């Protein structure tokens, strides 16, 4: 009986330790701290939902930096986002998922960075290796199929991604014309399975910065 009790205690301890290793990036949204920014963002979200590209371009800073590859300004936008549908698909999750004011001192509320995954991934983790579950109660499945058994439901867990295992579908003739459908992920507690790619987000994925210049918010 004593041996059995010790064995059960060991199993419980292993489970507790495993769960303790889990870490999370939970949603944060400071927009309401600055009413002028909140009103601006609400208007921007409404424009993006109706796919009003003219309005979105009107709030871009003329010197906006769009990539690390030299895309800047409105001309850079046109060359980077030739497929407008892809732009909306990427832009809406950025502006609809919170963020933080990142200015300093008296100008803290003049700079906003979105989404929250970019601002809140723990600094002690490698941001190239760690991702976040981008949602609440997201299904983790045994296989990359919608009818595969659900292993667990995860909410905002920090995970690692097996990039080589990802399933992809072609979207065009080019080498890089594809979309990732499923990601194979492992939580920091050691749980592995498959999740739809839109619910797995890198902290260095697409993001947006906003600044108040001369009384006007720009991106």
C-alpha atoms as a PDB file:
ATOM      1  CA  UNK A   1       0.000   0.000   0.000  1.00  0.00           C
ATOM      2  CA  UNK A   2       2.828   2.382   0.885  1.00  0.00           C
ATOM      3  CA  UNK A   3       4.546   1.672  -2.443  1.00  0.00           C
ATOM      4  CA  UNK A   4       1.301   2.294  -4.320  1.00  0.00           C
ATOM      5  CA  UNK A   5       0.802   5.589  -2.470  1.00  0.00           C
ATOM      6  CA  UNK A   6       4.313   6.704  -3.381  1.00  0.00           C
ATOM      7  CA  UNK A   7       3.699   5.791  -7.020  1.00  0.00           C
ATOM      8  CA  UNK A   8       0.457   7.770  -7.127  1.00  0.00           C
ATOM      9  CA  UNK A   9       2.195  10.719  -5.475  1.00  0.00           C
ATOM     10  CA  UNK A  10       4.928  10.605  -8.131  1.00  0.00           C
ATOM     11  CA  UNK A  11       2.345  10.599 -10.934  1.00  0.00           C
ATOM     12  CA  UNK A  12       0.547  13.577  -9.384  1.00  0.00           C
ATOM     13  CA  UNK A  13       3.849  15.460  -8.998  1.00  0.00           C
ATOM     14  CA  UNK A  14       4.793  14.848 -12.637  1.00  0.00           C
ATOM     15  CA  UNK A  15       1.390  16.160 -13.749  1.00  0.00           C
ATOM     16  CA  UNK A  16       1.697  19.274 -11.571  1.00  0.00           C
ATOM     17  CA  UNK A  17       5.221  20.011 -12.824  1.00  0.00           C
ATOM     18  CA  UNK A  18       4.111  19.555 -16.437  1.00  0.00           C
ATOM     19  CA  UNK A  19       1.207  21.956 -16.018  1.00  0.00           C
ATOM     20  CA  UNK A  20       3.419  24.444 -14.207  1.00  0.00           C
ATOM     21  CA  UNK A  21       5.632  24.669 -17.289  1.00  0.00           C
ATOM     22  CA  UNK A  22       2.788  26.063 -19.369  1.00  0.00           C
ATOM     23  CA  UNK A  23       2.992  29.791 -20.074  1.00  0.00           C
ATOM     24  CA  UNK A  24       0.527  32.114 -21.758  1.00  0.00           C
ATOM     25  CA  UNK A  25       0.178  35.347 -23.719  1.00  0.00           C
ATOM     26  CA  UNK A  26      -3.254  36.576 -22.729  1.00  0.00           C
ATOM     27  CA  UNK A  27      -5.085  39.394 -24.560  1.00  0.00           C
ATOM     28  CA  UNK A  28      -4.268  42.954 -23.540  1.00  0.00           C
ATOM     29  CA  UNK A  29      -5.849  46.092 -24.967  1.00  0.00           C
ATOM     30  CA  UNK A  30      -4.934  49.546 -23.674  1.00  0.00           C
ATOM     31  CA  UNK A  31      -6.729  51.470 -26.436  1.00  0.00           C
ATOM     32  CA  UNK A  32      -9.387  52.841 -24.070  1.00  0.00           C
ATOM     33  CA  UNK A  33      -6.691  54.706 -22.128  1.00  0.00           C
ATOM     34  CA  UNK A  34      -6.671  57.274 -24.934  1.00  0.00           C
ATOM     35  CA  UNK A  35     -10.200  58.123 -26.182  1.00  0.00           C
ATOM     36  CA  UNK A  36      -8.898  59.773 -29.364  1.00  0.00           C
ATOM     37  CA  UNK A  37      -6.979  56.644 -30.326  1.00  0.00           C
ATOM     38  CA  UNK A  38      -9.917  54.394 -29.468  1.00  0.00           C
ATOM     39  CA  UNK A  39     -12.204  56.422 -31.744  1.00  0.00           C
ATOM     40  CA  UNK A  40      -9.560  56.366 -34.485  1.00  0.00           C
ATOM     41  CA  UNK A  41      -9.128  52.604 -34.247  1.00  0.00           C
ATOM     42  CA  UNK A  42     -12.881  51.958 -34.250  1.00  0.00           C
ATOM     43  CA  UNK A  43     -13.144  53.961 -37.453  1.00  0.00           C
ATOM     44  CA  UNK A  44     -10.191  52.099 -38.962  1.00  0.00           C
ATOM     45  CA  UNK A  45     -11.667  48.698 -38.101  1.00  0.00           C
ATOM     46  CA  UNK A  46     -14.992  49.691 -39.662  1.00  0.00           C
ATOM     47  CA  UNK A  47     -13.193  50.799 -42.830  1.00  0.00           C
ATOM     48  CA  UNK A  48     -11.186  47.589 -42.988  1.00  0.00           C
ATOM     49  CA  UNK A  49     -14.293  45.445 -42.511  1.00  0.00           C
ATOM     50  CA  UNK A  50     -15.915  47.110 -45.516  1.00  0.00           C
ATOM     51  CA  UNK A  51     -12.581  46.809 -47.391  1.00  0.00           C
ATOM     52  CA  UNK A  52     -12.205  50.569 -47.848  1.00  0.00           C
ATOM     53  CA  UNK A  53      -8.619  50.642 -49.104  1.00  0.00           C
ATOM     54  CA  UNK A  54      -8.752  54.358 -49.878  1.00  0.00           C
ATOM     55  CA  UNK A  55      -9.471  55.183 -46.235  1.00  0.00           C
ATOM     56  CA  UNK A  56      -6.776  52.844 -44.912  1.00  0.00           C
ATOM     57  CA  UNK A  57      -4.217  54.425 -47.221  1.00  0.00           C
ATOM     58  CA  UNK A  58      -5.339  57.890 -46.112  1.00  0.00           C
ATOM     59  CA  UNK A  59      -4.237  57.221 -42.524  1.00  0.00           C
ATOM     60  CA  UNK A  60      -0.808  55.901 -43.535  1.00  0.00           C
ATOM     61  CA  UNK A  61       2.199  58.082 -42.810  1.00  0.00           C
ATOM     62  CA  UNK A  62       3.766  59.094 -46.166  1.00  0.00           C
ATOM     63  CA  UNK A  63       7.016  57.494 -44.963  1.00  0.00           C
ATOM     64  CA  UNK A  64       5.428  54.337 -43.554  1.00  0.00           C
ATOM     65  CA  UNK A  65       7.808  51.354 -43.396  1.00  0.00           C
ATOM     66  CA  UNK A  66       6.016  48.233 -44.594  1.00  0.00           C
ATOM     67  CA  UNK A  67       8.727  45.580 -44.478  1.00  0.00           C
ATOM     68  CA  UNK A  68      12.393  44.962 -43.831  1.00  0.00           C
ATOM     69  CA  UNK A  69      12.847  44.591 -47.576  1.00  0.00           C
ATOM     70  CA  UNK A  70      12.645  48.238 -48.580  1.00  0.00           C
ATOM     71  CA  UNK A  71       8.881  48.590 -49.048  1.00  0.00           C
ATOM     72  CA  UNK A  72       7.866  52.047 -47.861  1.00  0.00           C
ATOM     73  CA  UNK A  73       5.242  54.674 -48.620  1.00  0.00           C
ATOM     74  CA  UNK A  74       2.135  54.149 -50.729  1.00  0.00           C
ATOM     75  CA  UNK A  75       4.188  52.950 -53.691  1.00  0.00           C
ATOM     76  CA  UNK A  76       5.732  50.301 -51.465  1.00  0.00           C
ATOM     77  CA  UNK A  77       2.282  49.248 -50.308  1.00  0.00           C
ATOM     78  CA  UNK A  78       1.208  48.638 -53.898  1.00  0.00           C
ATOM     79  CA  UNK A  79       4.229  46.484 -54.679  1.00  0.00           C
ATOM     80  CA  UNK A  80       4.043  44.522 -51.413  1.00  0.00           C
ATOM     81  CA  UNK A  81       0.293  43.874 -51.427  1.00  0.00           C
ATOM     82  CA  UNK A  82      -0.550  43.121 -55.034  1.00  0.00           C
ATOM     83  CA  UNK A  83      -3.291  40.804 -53.796  1.00  0.00           C
ATOM     84  CA  UNK A  84      -5.721  43.036 -51.910  1.00  0.00           C
ATOM     85  CA  UNK A  85      -7.674  40.093 -50.482  1.00  0.00           C
ATOM     86  CA  UNK A  86      -4.522  38.835 -48.759  1.00  0.00           C
ATOM     87  CA  UNK A  87      -3.956  42.278 -47.234  1.00  0.00           C
ATOM     88  CA  UNK A  88      -7.399  42.317 -45.604  1.00  0.00           C
ATOM     89  CA  UNK A  89      -6.914  38.756 -44.374  1.00  0.00           C
ATOM     90  CA  UNK A  90      -3.725  39.779 -42.561  1.00  0.00           C
ATOM     91  CA  UNK A  91      -4.653  43.340 -41.545  1.00  0.00           C
ATOM     92  CA  UNK A  92      -7.904  42.731 -39.679  1.00  0.00           C
ATOM     93  CA  UNK A  93      -6.447  40.308 -37.073  1.00  0.00           C
ATOM     94  CA  UNK A  94      -3.720  42.869 -36.371  1.00  0.00           C
ATOM     95  CA  UNK A  95      -5.972  45.830 -35.633  1.00  0.00           C
ATOM     96  CA  UNK A  96      -8.756  43.855 -33.902  1.00  0.00           C
ATOM     97  CA  UNK A  97      -6.596  42.135 -31.302  1.00  0.00           C
ATOM     98  CA  UNK A  98      -5.507  44.713 -28.793  1.00  0.00           C
ATOM     99  CA  UNK A  99      -2.066  46.049 -28.061  1.00  0.00           C
ATOM    100  CA  UNK A 100      -0.294  48.553 -25.853  1.00  0.00           C
ATOM    101  CA  UNK A 101       0.844  52.143 -25.728  1.00  0.00           C
ATOM    102  CA  UNK A 102       4.625  52.081 -26.064  1.00  0.00           C
ATOM    103  CA  UNK A 103       5.679  55.731 -25.893  1.00  0.00           C
ATOM    104  CA  UNK A 104       7.768  57.160 -23.083  1.00  0.00           C
ATOM    105  CA  UNK A 105       7.072  59.751 -20.422  1.00  0.00           C
ATOM    106  CA  UNK A 106       4.420  62.316 -21.252  1.00  0.00           C
ATOM    107  CA  UNK A 107       4.181  60.918 -24.794  1.00  0.00           C
ATOM    108  CA  UNK A 108       3.436  57.348 -23.701  1.00  0.00           C
ATOM    109  CA  UNK A 109      -0.123  57.530 -25.033  1.00  0.00           C
ATOM    110  CA  UNK A 110       1.042  58.884 -28.412  1.00  0.00           C
ATOM    111  CA  UNK A 111       2.363  55.554 -29.682  1.00  0.00           C
ATOM    112  CA  UNK A 112       0.367  52.321 -29.943  1.00  0.00           C
ATOM    113  CA  UNK A 113       1.584  48.905 -31.053  1.00  0.00           C
ATOM    114  CA  UNK A 114      -0.688  46.050 -32.151  1.00  0.00           C
ATOM    115  CA  UNK A 115      -1.552  43.226 -31.755  1.00  0.00           C
ATOM    116  CA  UNK A 116      -1.040  42.125 -28.151  1.00  0.00           C
ATOM    117  CA  UNK A 117       1.056  39.084 -29.117  1.00  0.00           C
ATOM    118  CA  UNK A 118       3.804  41.411 -30.344  1.00  0.00           C
ATOM    119  CA  UNK A 119       3.809  43.546 -27.204  1.00  0.00           C
ATOM    120  CA  UNK A 120       3.339  40.815 -24.591  1.00  0.00           C
ATOM    121  CA  UNK A 121       5.425  37.775 -25.518  1.00  0.00           C
ATOM    122  CA  UNK A 122       7.807  37.273 -22.535  1.00  0.00           C
ATOM    123  CA  UNK A 123      11.235  38.801 -23.160  1.00  0.00           C
ATOM    124  CA  UNK A 124      13.084  35.749 -21.818  1.00  0.00           C
ATOM    125  CA  UNK A 125      11.787  33.613 -24.703  1.00  0.00           C
ATOM    126  CA  UNK A 126      13.236  33.531 -28.216  1.00  0.00           C
ATOM    127  CA  UNK A 127      10.652  35.325 -30.353  1.00  0.00           C
ATOM    128  CA  UNK A 128      11.718  33.379 -33.436  1.00  0.00           C
ATOM    129  CA  UNK A 129      11.078  30.023 -31.782  1.00  0.00           C
ATOM    130  CA  UNK A 130       7.993  30.683 -29.658  1.00  0.00           C
ATOM    131  CA  UNK A 131       4.465  31.313 -30.874  1.00  0.00           C
ATOM    132  CA  UNK A 132       1.151  31.905 -29.110  1.00  0.00           C
ATOM    133  CA  UNK A 133      -2.230  30.244 -29.443  1.00  0.00           C
ATOM    134  CA  UNK A 134      -4.278  33.133 -30.836  1.00  0.00           C
ATOM    135  CA  UNK A 135      -7.655  32.397 -29.300  1.00  0.00           C
ATOM    136  CA  UNK A 136      -9.709  30.910 -26.489  1.00  0.00           C
ATOM    137  CA  UNK A 137     -10.566  27.178 -26.304  1.00  0.00           C
ATOM    138  CA  UNK A 138      -8.938  26.382 -29.656  1.00  0.00           C
ATOM    139  CA  UNK A 139      -9.052  22.719 -30.627  1.00  0.00           C
ATOM    140  CA  UNK A 140      -5.801  20.769 -30.610  1.00  0.00           C
ATOM    141  CA  UNK A 141      -6.256  17.680 -32.808  1.00  0.00           C
ATOM    142  CA  UNK A 142      -4.519  14.325 -33.304  1.00  0.00           C
ATOM    143  CA  UNK A 143      -4.100  14.884 -37.041  1.00  0.00           C
ATOM    144  CA  UNK A 144      -4.278  17.876 -39.416  1.00  0.00           C
ATOM    145  CA  UNK A 145      -7.918  17.219 -40.275  1.00  0.00           C
ATOM    146  CA  UNK A 146     -11.116  18.908 -39.117  1.00  0.00           C
ATOM    147  CA  UNK A 147     -12.679  15.538 -38.258  1.00  0.00           C
ATOM    148  CA  UNK A 148      -9.645  14.283 -36.298  1.00  0.00           C
ATOM    149  CA  UNK A 149     -10.154  13.638 -32.561  1.00  0.00           C
ATOM    150  CA  UNK A 150      -9.680  16.649 -30.283  1.00  0.00           C
ATOM    151  CA  UNK A 151      -6.826  16.111 -27.814  1.00  0.00           C
ATOM    152  CA  UNK A 152      -7.385  19.297 -25.831  1.00  0.00           C
ATOM    153  CA  UNK A 153      -8.610  22.860 -26.035  1.00  0.00           C
ATOM    154  CA  UNK A 154      -5.915  25.499 -25.573  1.00  0.00           C
ATOM    155  CA  UNK A 155      -6.262  29.169 -24.662  1.00  0.00           C
ATOM    156  CA  UNK A 156      -3.385  31.601 -25.292  1.00  0.00           C
ATOM    157  CA  UNK A 157      -0.668  28.990 -24.563  1.00  0.00           C
ATOM    158  CA  UNK A 158       2.899  29.697 -25.623  1.00  0.00           C
ATOM    159  CA  UNK A 159       3.976  26.932 -28.010  1.00  0.00           C
ATOM    160  CA  UNK A 160       6.748  25.812 -30.309  1.00  0.00           C
ATOM    161  CA  UNK A 161       6.024  25.016 -33.956  1.00  0.00           C
ATOM    162  CA  UNK A 162       7.415  22.188 -36.079  1.00  0.00           C
ATOM    163  CA  UNK A 163       7.703  24.280 -39.247  1.00  0.00           C
ATOM    164  CA  UNK A 164       8.759  21.361 -41.435  1.00  0.00           C
ATOM    165  CA  UNK A 165       5.605  19.429 -40.556  1.00  0.00           C
ATOM    166  CA  UNK A 166       3.174  22.218 -41.507  1.00  0.00           C
ATOM    167  CA  UNK A 167       0.573  21.353 -44.139  1.00  0.00           C
ATOM    168  CA  UNK A 168       0.282  23.813 -47.031  1.00  0.00           C
ATOM    169  CA  UNK A 169      -1.960  24.514 -49.983  1.00  0.00           C
ATOM    170  CA  UNK A 170      -0.887  26.216 -53.194  1.00  0.00           C
ATOM    171  CA  UNK A 171      -2.382  29.631 -53.968  1.00  0.00           C
ATOM    172  CA  UNK A 172      -0.502  30.329 -57.215  1.00  0.00           C
ATOM    173  CA  UNK A 173       2.233  29.139 -59.574  1.00  0.00           C
ATOM    174  CA  UNK A 174       5.187  30.635 -57.708  1.00  0.00           C
ATOM    175  CA  UNK A 175       7.461  28.858 -55.245  1.00  0.00           C
ATOM    176  CA  UNK A 176       6.145  30.925 -52.330  1.00  0.00           C
ATOM    177  CA  UNK A 177       2.525  31.026 -53.452  1.00  0.00           C
ATOM    178  CA  UNK A 178       1.013  28.932 -50.683  1.00  0.00           C
ATOM    179  CA  UNK A 179      -0.888  29.194 -47.411  1.00  0.00           C
ATOM    180  CA  UNK A 180      -0.218  27.152 -44.309  1.00  0.00           C
ATOM    181  CA  UNK A 181      -3.348  25.277 -43.263  1.00  0.00           C
ATOM    182  CA  UNK A 182      -2.202  23.353 -40.178  1.00  0.00           C
ATOM    183  CA  UNK A 183       0.647  23.741 -37.722  1.00  0.00           C
ATOM    184  CA  UNK A 184       2.097  20.966 -35.589  1.00  0.00           C
ATOM    185  CA  UNK A 185       2.655  22.510 -32.167  1.00  0.00           C
ATOM    186  CA  UNK A 186       4.025  21.537 -28.769  1.00  0.00           C
ATOM    187  CA  UNK A 187       3.126  23.450 -25.623  1.00  0.00           C
ATOM    188  CA  UNK A 188       5.787  24.250 -23.033  1.00  0.00           C
ATOM    189  CA  UNK A 189       4.165  21.552 -20.889  1.00  0.00           C
ATOM    190  CA  UNK A 190       4.905  18.960 -23.578  1.00  0.00           C
ATOM    191  CA  UNK A 191       1.479  18.507 -25.191  1.00  0.00           C
ATOM    192  CA  UNK A 192       1.718  17.962 -28.963  1.00  0.00           C
ATOM    193  CA  UNK A 193      -0.928  18.050 -31.671  1.00  0.00           C
ATOM    194  CA  UNK A 194      -2.244  19.897 -34.705  1.00  0.00           C
ATOM    195  CA  UNK A 195      -3.958  23.288 -34.826  1.00  0.00           C
ATOM    196  CA  UNK A 196      -5.397  25.414 -37.632  1.00  0.00           C
ATOM    197  CA  UNK A 197      -2.712  27.888 -38.652  1.00  0.00           C
ATOM    198  CA  UNK A 198      -4.807  31.033 -38.109  1.00  0.00           C
ATOM    199  CA  UNK A 199      -4.829  30.252 -34.376  1.00  0.00           C
ATOM    200  CA  UNK A 200      -1.042  30.030 -34.073  1.00  0.00           C
ATOM    201  CA  UNK A 201       0.684  33.418 -34.192  1.00  0.00           C
ATOM    202  CA  UNK A 202       4.310  34.485 -34.044  1.00  0.00           C
ATOM    203  CA  UNK A 203       5.105  37.643 -32.038  1.00  0.00           C
ATOM    204  CA  UNK A 204       7.041  38.891 -35.068  1.00  0.00           C
ATOM    205  CA  UNK A 205       4.204  38.238 -37.504  1.00  0.00           C
ATOM    206  CA  UNK A 206       2.455  41.173 -39.209  1.00  0.00           C
ATOM    207  CA  UNK A 207       1.942  44.073 -36.812  1.00  0.00           C
ATOM    208  CA  UNK A 208       1.102  47.763 -36.899  1.00  0.00           C
ATOM    209  CA  UNK A 209       2.340  50.849 -35.127  1.00  0.00           C
ATOM    210  CA  UNK A 210       0.326  54.050 -34.725  1.00  0.00           C
ATOM    211  CA  UNK A 211       1.552  57.524 -33.801  1.00  0.00           C
ATOM    212  CA  UNK A 212      -0.212  60.791 -33.080  1.00  0.00           C
ATOM    213  CA  UNK A 213       1.428  63.468 -35.216  1.00  0.00           C
ATOM    214  CA  UNK A 214       0.338  67.089 -35.139  1.00  0.00           C
ATOM    215  CA  UNK A 215      -2.945  66.076 -33.533  1.00  0.00           C
ATOM    216  CA  UNK A 216      -3.695  63.290 -36.044  1.00  0.00           C
ATOM    217  CA  UNK A 217      -3.272  59.528 -35.701  1.00  0.00           C
ATOM    218  CA  UNK A 218      -1.326  57.833 -38.482  1.00  0.00           C
ATOM    219  CA  UNK A 219      -0.097  54.302 -39.142  1.00  0.00           C
END
